[in-house]
Amino acid sequence: MTIKEVSEKYDIPADTLRYYERIGAIPPVTRTSGGIRNYTEQDIAWVQLAKCMRSAGLPVEVLIEYLQLYQQGDKTIPARLQLLSEQRKALIEQKNSIDEMISRLDYKISRYEIAAETGVLSWD
């Protein structure tokens, strides 16, 4: 797939794909003999991982560290496991915080719904 096709399919700007490759957040993409990016299934798998991790709010630096560990081979499996486990833990903490905020907003909304019906805002 061309960079344009990958960009459109995964809704990632081509500039972002180039940036990820340049900084080492994804491995160098396979190229044609003319030097044009030709994304293979493996290249696309890295793009999908990067998109997933970035959508979850993980810093680019984590992607870079993960790729560096991956490129060092199987001896880094424990380090990769630890990195991903730590990121999962951080995401769960964020999720719990968001759940708490939603609960607070739900309470306030319910109070305003009652107030809209009765014309009286009560905070009991």
Protein backbone atom coordinates (compact mmCIF):
# COMPACT_ATOMS: atom_id res chain seq x y z
CA MET A 1 0.00 0.00 0.00
CA THR A 2 1.14 3.52 -0.66
CA ILE A 3 1.43 6.09 2.09
CA LYS A 4 -1.69 7.77 0.73
CA GLU A 5 -3.67 4.53 0.95
CA VAL A 6 -2.46 3.83 4.50
CA SER A 7 -3.19 7.42 5.48
CA GLU A 8 -6.75 7.21 4.20
CA LYS A 9 -7.47 3.71 5.49
CA TYR A 10 -6.24 4.40 9.03
CA ASP A 11 -7.10 8.09 9.16
CA ILE A 12 -3.56 9.15 9.94
CA PRO A 13 -2.04 12.08 8.06
CA ALA A 14 0.81 11.09 5.74
CA ASP A 15 3.01 13.62 7.53
CA THR A 16 2.37 11.80 10.80
CA LEU A 17 3.32 8.48 9.23
CA ARG A 18 6.55 9.99 7.94
CA TYR A 19 7.20 11.56 11.36
CA TYR A 20 6.67 8.25 13.18
CA GLU A 21 9.12 6.59 10.83
CA ARG A 22 11.68 9.40 11.09
CA ILE A 23 11.74 9.44 14.91
CA GLY A 24 11.71 5.66 15.27
CA ALA A 25 8.18 5.17 16.59
CA ILE A 26 7.65 2.65 13.78
CA PRO A 27 10.36 0.76 11.89
CA PRO A 28 11.55 1.99 8.51
CA VAL A 29 8.84 1.23 5.96
CA THR A 30 9.57 -1.09 3.04
CA ARG A 31 10.37 0.86 -0.12
CA THR A 32 10.23 0.16 -3.82
CA SER A 33 13.40 0.18 -5.91
CA GLY A 34 12.52 3.81 -6.69
CA GLY A 35 12.44 4.71 -2.97
CA ILE A 36 8.66 5.04 -2.68
CA ARG A 37 7.11 3.72 0.53
CA ASN A 38 5.33 0.44 -0.06
CA TYR A 39 3.65 -0.61 3.18
CA THR A 40 3.67 -4.37 3.74
CA GLU A 41 1.41 -6.21 6.18
CA GLN A 42 4.16 -6.01 8.79
CA ASP A 43 4.57 -2.25 8.23
CA ILE A 44 0.81 -1.82 8.57
CA ALA A 45 0.80 -3.83 11.80
CA TRP A 46 3.25 -1.31 13.26
CA VAL A 47 1.08 1.58 12.05
CA GLN A 48 -1.95 -0.03 13.70
CA LEU A 49 -0.04 -0.48 16.96
CA ALA A 50 1.14 3.13 16.90
CA LYS A 51 -2.36 4.41 16.21
CA CYS A 52 -3.82 2.27 19.00
CA MET A 53 -1.22 3.33 21.54
CA ARG A 54 -1.41 7.01 20.59
CA SER A 55 -5.23 6.93 20.67
CA ALA A 56 -4.93 5.57 24.19
CA GLY A 57 -2.84 8.60 25.09
CA LEU A 58 0.54 6.92 25.31
CA PRO A 59 3.47 9.24 24.63
CA VAL A 60 5.48 8.91 21.42
CA GLU A 61 8.51 8.22 23.61
CA VAL A 62 6.89 4.96 24.74
CA LEU A 63 6.49 3.89 21.10
CA ILE A 64 10.13 4.68 20.45
CA GLU A 65 11.27 2.76 23.53
CA TYR A 66 9.08 -0.21 22.63
CA LEU A 67 10.45 -0.33 19.06
CA GLN A 68 14.03 -0.08 20.31
CA LEU A 69 13.43 -2.99 22.66
CA TYR A 70 11.74 -4.99 19.91
CA GLN A 71 14.68 -4.44 17.57
CA GLN A 72 17.06 -5.80 20.22
CA GLY A 73 15.38 -9.18 19.99
CA ASP A 74 13.80 -11.72 22.28
CA LYS A 75 16.15 -10.96 25.16
CA THR A 76 14.03 -7.83 25.74
CA ILE A 77 10.72 -9.67 26.08
CA PRO A 78 10.64 -9.09 29.88
CA ALA A 79 11.34 -5.37 29.39
CA ARG A 80 8.64 -5.09 26.72
CA LEU A 81 6.20 -6.91 28.97
CA GLN A 82 6.99 -4.52 31.81
CA LEU A 83 6.65 -1.45 29.57
CA LEU A 84 3.26 -2.57 28.25
CA SER A 85 2.07 -3.58 31.72
CA GLU A 86 3.02 -0.17 33.12
CA GLN A 87 1.20 1.59 30.28
CA ARG A 88 -1.87 -0.59 30.86
CA LYS A 89 -1.82 0.28 34.56
CA ALA A 90 -1.62 4.00 33.73
CA LEU A 91 -4.56 3.66 31.32
CA ILE A 92 -6.65 1.87 33.94
CA GLU A 93 -5.91 4.70 36.40
CA GLN A 94 -7.00 7.24 33.75
CA LYS A 95 -10.15 5.22 33.06
CA ASN A 96 -11.01 5.10 36.77
CA SER A 97 -10.53 8.85 37.00
CA ILE A 98 -12.76 9.41 33.97
CA ASP A 99 -15.40 7.05 35.42
CA GLU A 100 -15.39 9.11 38.63
CA MET A 101 -15.80 12.35 36.68
CA ILE A 102 -18.69 10.85 34.70
CA SER A 103 -20.40 9.81 37.93
CA ARG A 104 -20.08 13.33 39.30
CA LEU A 105 -21.44 14.80 36.08
CA ASP A 106 -24.32 12.29 36.08
CA TYR A 107 -25.25 13.42 39.58
CA LYS A 108 -25.18 17.10 38.60
CA ILE A 109 -27.18 16.41 35.45
CA SER A 110 -29.81 14.54 37.46
CA ARG A 111 -30.12 17.47 39.85
CA TYR A 112 -30.57 19.90 36.93
CA GLU A 113 -33.13 17.62 35.28
CA ILE A 114 -35.19 17.75 38.48
CA ALA A 115 -34.67 21.50 38.66
CA ALA A 116 -35.82 21.89 35.05
CA GLU A 117 -39.04 20.01 35.91
CA THR A 118 -39.73 21.68 39.26
CA GLY A 119 -38.15 25.07 38.79
CA VAL A 120 -36.15 24.56 41.98
CA LEU A 121 -32.48 23.68 42.21
CA SER A 122 -31.81 21.60 45.32
CA TRP A 123 -28.43 20.26 46.42
CA ASP A 124 -29.49 17.84 49.13
